[in-house]
Amino acid sequence: MLKKRGFEHYGVQLERPKGYNMKKKDIAKKRQNKRREIVGEFGLGKLKYGINKIRMKYAETSKAYMRLIAISMNIY
């Protein structure tokens, strides 16, 4: 409809993309779920353990403190 009138659409495609199938959709969904799991662990670390509030005198001390938190969260 837009092409007939001489307009070009640069936004998101409105219809289903060509070559779209359920297998690609399932793969994308699994990747997104894995990402959510990892981001959720960091969110938990910030909320429960205060990773974002670490203020040590030396950078090495801060890194060691974050490693101990990661070990206690069972992600390291």
N, C-alpha and C. Protein backbone atom coordinates (compact mmCIF):
# COMPACT_ATOMS: atom_id res chain seq x y z
N MET A 1 0.82 -1.18 0.00
CA MET A 1 0.00 0.00 0.00
C MET A 1 0.88 1.26 0.00
N LEU A 2 1.91 1.26 0.84
CA LEU A 2 2.79 2.42 0.88
C LEU A 2 3.62 2.54 -0.39
N LYS A 3 4.06 1.41 -0.94
CA LYS A 3 4.88 1.43 -2.15
C LYS A 3 4.10 1.98 -3.34
N LYS A 4 2.82 1.68 -3.39
CA LYS A 4 1.98 2.20 -4.48
C LYS A 4 1.91 3.72 -4.47
N ARG A 5 1.98 4.28 -3.28
CA ARG A 5 1.87 5.74 -3.14
C ARG A 5 3.23 6.43 -3.11
N GLY A 6 4.32 5.66 -3.19
CA GLY A 6 5.64 6.26 -3.26
C GLY A 6 6.33 6.47 -1.92
N PHE A 7 5.82 5.82 -0.85
CA PHE A 7 6.43 5.94 0.47
C PHE A 7 7.28 4.71 0.77
N GLU A 8 8.32 4.90 1.57
CA GLU A 8 9.14 3.77 2.02
C GLU A 8 9.00 3.64 3.53
N HIS A 9 8.85 2.42 3.99
CA HIS A 9 8.69 2.15 5.42
C HIS A 9 10.00 1.62 5.97
N TYR A 10 10.57 2.33 6.96
CA TYR A 10 11.85 1.92 7.54
C TYR A 10 11.69 1.29 8.92
N GLY A 11 10.49 1.17 9.41
CA GLY A 11 10.25 0.63 10.75
C GLY A 11 10.23 -0.89 10.75
N VAL A 12 9.67 -1.43 11.80
CA VAL A 12 9.56 -2.88 11.96
C VAL A 12 8.58 -3.43 10.94
N GLN A 13 8.91 -4.58 10.40
CA GLN A 13 8.05 -5.20 9.40
C GLN A 13 6.74 -5.62 10.07
N LEU A 14 5.63 -5.31 9.44
CA LEU A 14 4.34 -5.54 10.06
C LEU A 14 3.85 -6.98 9.89
N GLU A 15 4.18 -7.61 8.79
CA GLU A 15 3.73 -8.98 8.61
C GLU A 15 4.84 -9.96 9.04
N ARG A 16 4.51 -11.20 9.01
CA ARG A 16 5.47 -12.24 9.37
C ARG A 16 6.62 -12.24 8.37
N PRO A 17 7.87 -12.24 8.87
CA PRO A 17 9.02 -12.23 7.96
C PRO A 17 9.09 -13.48 7.09
N LYS A 18 9.67 -13.34 5.91
CA LYS A 18 9.81 -14.48 5.01
C LYS A 18 10.81 -15.46 5.60
N GLY A 19 10.55 -16.73 5.46
CA GLY A 19 11.44 -17.76 5.99
C GLY A 19 11.23 -17.99 7.48
N TYR A 20 10.15 -17.47 8.04
CA TYR A 20 9.85 -17.60 9.46
C TYR A 20 9.26 -18.98 9.70
N ASN A 21 9.82 -19.71 10.64
CA ASN A 21 9.22 -21.00 10.98
C ASN A 21 9.31 -21.23 12.48
N MET A 22 8.67 -22.26 12.93
CA MET A 22 8.59 -22.54 14.36
C MET A 22 9.94 -22.93 14.94
N LYS A 23 10.79 -23.56 14.14
CA LYS A 23 12.09 -23.97 14.64
C LYS A 23 12.93 -22.75 15.02
N LYS A 24 12.94 -21.73 14.15
CA LYS A 24 13.67 -20.49 14.46
C LYS A 24 13.08 -19.80 15.68
N LYS A 25 11.76 -19.85 15.79
CA LYS A 25 11.09 -19.23 16.92
C LYS A 25 11.48 -19.93 18.23
N ASP A 26 11.52 -21.25 18.22
CA ASP A 26 11.90 -22.00 19.41
C ASP A 26 13.34 -21.73 19.83
N ILE A 27 14.24 -21.64 18.85
CA ILE A 27 15.65 -21.34 19.15
C ILE A 27 15.77 -19.96 19.78
N ALA A 28 15.08 -18.99 19.21
CA ALA A 28 15.12 -17.62 19.76
C ALA A 28 14.55 -17.58 21.17
N LYS A 29 13.50 -18.34 21.41
CA LYS A 29 12.87 -18.36 22.73
C LYS A 29 13.80 -18.98 23.77
N LYS A 30 14.51 -20.04 23.40
CA LYS A 30 15.45 -20.67 24.32
C LYS A 30 16.60 -19.73 24.67
N ARG A 31 17.10 -19.01 23.67
CA ARG A 31 18.17 -18.04 23.92
C ARG A 31 17.70 -16.95 24.88
N GLN A 32 16.49 -16.46 24.65
CA GLN A 32 15.94 -15.40 25.49
C GLN A 32 15.73 -15.88 26.91
N ASN A 33 15.26 -17.12 27.08
CA ASN A 33 15.06 -17.67 28.42
C ASN A 33 16.38 -17.81 29.16
N LYS A 34 17.43 -18.23 28.47
CA LYS A 34 18.75 -18.36 29.09
C LYS A 34 19.26 -17.00 29.53
N ARG A 35 19.06 -16.00 28.69
CA ARG A 35 19.48 -14.64 29.02
C ARG A 35 18.72 -14.12 30.23
N ARG A 36 17.42 -14.37 30.29
CA ARG A 36 16.61 -13.93 31.43
C ARG A 36 17.11 -14.57 32.73
N GLU A 37 17.49 -15.82 32.65
CA GLU A 37 17.99 -16.52 33.83
C GLU A 37 19.26 -15.86 34.36
N ILE A 38 20.18 -15.53 33.46
CA ILE A 38 21.45 -14.91 33.86
C ILE A 38 21.21 -13.51 34.40
N VAL A 39 20.39 -12.72 33.72
CA VAL A 39 20.10 -11.36 34.17
C VAL A 39 19.37 -11.39 35.51
N GLY A 40 18.53 -12.38 35.71
CA GLY A 40 17.82 -12.54 36.98
C GLY A 40 18.78 -12.80 38.14
N GLU A 41 19.82 -13.58 37.89
CA GLU A 41 20.81 -13.85 38.93
C GLU A 41 21.55 -12.57 39.32
N PHE A 42 21.89 -11.74 38.34
CA PHE A 42 22.55 -10.47 38.66
C PHE A 42 21.61 -9.54 39.41
N GLY A 43 20.34 -9.55 39.04
CA GLY A 43 19.36 -8.74 39.76
C GLY A 43 19.22 -9.18 41.20
N LEU A 44 19.22 -10.48 41.43
CA LEU A 44 19.18 -11.01 42.78
C LEU A 44 20.41 -10.60 43.57
N GLY A 45 21.57 -10.65 42.92
CA GLY A 45 22.80 -10.24 43.59
C GLY A 45 22.77 -8.78 43.99
N LYS A 46 22.21 -7.95 43.14
CA LYS A 46 22.11 -6.52 43.46
C LYS A 46 21.13 -6.29 44.60
N LEU A 47 20.00 -6.98 44.55
CA LEU A 47 18.96 -6.76 45.54
C LEU A 47 19.32 -7.36 46.90
N LYS A 48 19.72 -8.62 46.91
CA LYS A 48 19.93 -9.33 48.16
C LYS A 48 21.32 -9.11 48.75
N TYR A 49 22.34 -9.07 47.90
CA TYR A 49 23.71 -9.00 48.39
C TYR A 49 24.35 -7.63 48.21
N GLY A 50 23.70 -6.71 47.53
CA GLY A 50 24.21 -5.36 47.39
C GLY A 50 25.46 -5.24 46.54
N ILE A 51 25.52 -6.00 45.45
CA ILE A 51 26.70 -5.96 44.58
C ILE A 51 26.91 -4.55 44.02
N ASN A 52 25.84 -3.85 43.73
CA ASN A 52 25.98 -2.52 43.14
C ASN A 52 26.38 -1.46 44.17
N LYS A 53 26.46 -1.81 45.45
CA LYS A 53 26.81 -0.85 46.49
C LYS A 53 28.19 -1.10 47.09
N ILE A 54 28.99 -1.90 46.43
CA ILE A 54 30.32 -2.22 46.96
C ILE A 54 31.24 -1.02 46.81
N ARG A 55 31.81 -0.59 47.91
CA ARG A 55 32.74 0.55 47.92
C ARG A 55 33.94 0.16 48.80
N MET A 56 34.96 -0.35 48.18
CA MET A 56 36.18 -0.71 48.89
C MET A 56 37.29 0.27 48.52
N LYS A 57 38.33 0.27 49.33
CA LYS A 57 39.43 1.20 49.09
C LYS A 57 40.23 0.83 47.86
N TYR A 58 40.43 -0.46 47.63
CA TYR A 58 41.24 -0.93 46.51
C TYR A 58 40.37 -1.76 45.56
N ALA A 59 40.71 -1.71 44.28
CA ALA A 59 39.95 -2.44 43.26
C ALA A 59 40.05 -3.95 43.49
N GLU A 60 41.20 -4.43 43.89
CA GLU A 60 41.37 -5.87 44.13
C GLU A 60 40.48 -6.36 45.26
N THR A 61 40.30 -5.55 46.28
CA THR A 61 39.41 -5.92 47.38
C THR A 61 37.98 -6.00 46.90
N SER A 62 37.56 -5.07 46.06
CA SER A 62 36.21 -5.09 45.51
C SER A 62 35.97 -6.34 44.67
N LYS A 63 36.97 -6.69 43.85
CA LYS A 63 36.84 -7.89 43.01
C LYS A 63 36.74 -9.14 43.86
N ALA A 64 37.54 -9.21 44.91
CA ALA A 64 37.50 -10.38 45.80
C ALA A 64 36.14 -10.47 46.49
N TYR A 65 35.61 -9.34 46.91
CA TYR A 65 34.31 -9.31 47.57
C TYR A 65 33.21 -9.78 46.62
N MET A 66 33.27 -9.32 45.36
CA MET A 66 32.27 -9.74 44.38
C MET A 66 32.39 -11.23 44.07
N ARG A 67 33.60 -11.75 44.04
CA ARG A 67 33.80 -13.18 43.81
C ARG A 67 33.19 -14.00 44.95
N LEU A 68 33.38 -13.54 46.18
CA LEU A 68 32.80 -14.25 47.32
C LEU A 68 31.27 -14.26 47.25
N ILE A 69 30.70 -13.15 46.82
CA ILE A 69 29.24 -13.09 46.66
C ILE A 69 28.80 -14.05 45.56
N ALA A 70 29.54 -14.08 44.44
CA ALA A 70 29.18 -14.99 43.34
C ALA A 70 29.28 -16.44 43.80
N ILE A 71 30.28 -16.76 44.60
CA ILE A 71 30.41 -18.13 45.11
C ILE A 71 29.24 -18.45 46.03
N SER A 72 28.86 -17.52 46.89
CA SER A 72 27.74 -17.77 47.80
C SER A 72 26.42 -17.90 47.04
N MET A 73 26.31 -17.24 45.88
CA MET A 73 25.11 -17.35 45.06
C MET A 73 25.16 -18.61 44.18
N ASN A 74 26.28 -19.28 44.16
CA ASN A 74 26.47 -20.52 43.42
C ASN A 74 26.44 -20.28 41.90
N ILE A 75 27.05 -19.17 41.44
CA ILE A 75 27.12 -18.91 40.01
C ILE A 75 28.54 -18.82 39.51
N TYR A 76 29.53 -18.92 40.38
CA TYR A 76 30.93 -18.81 39.96
C TYR A 76 31.57 -20.15 39.97
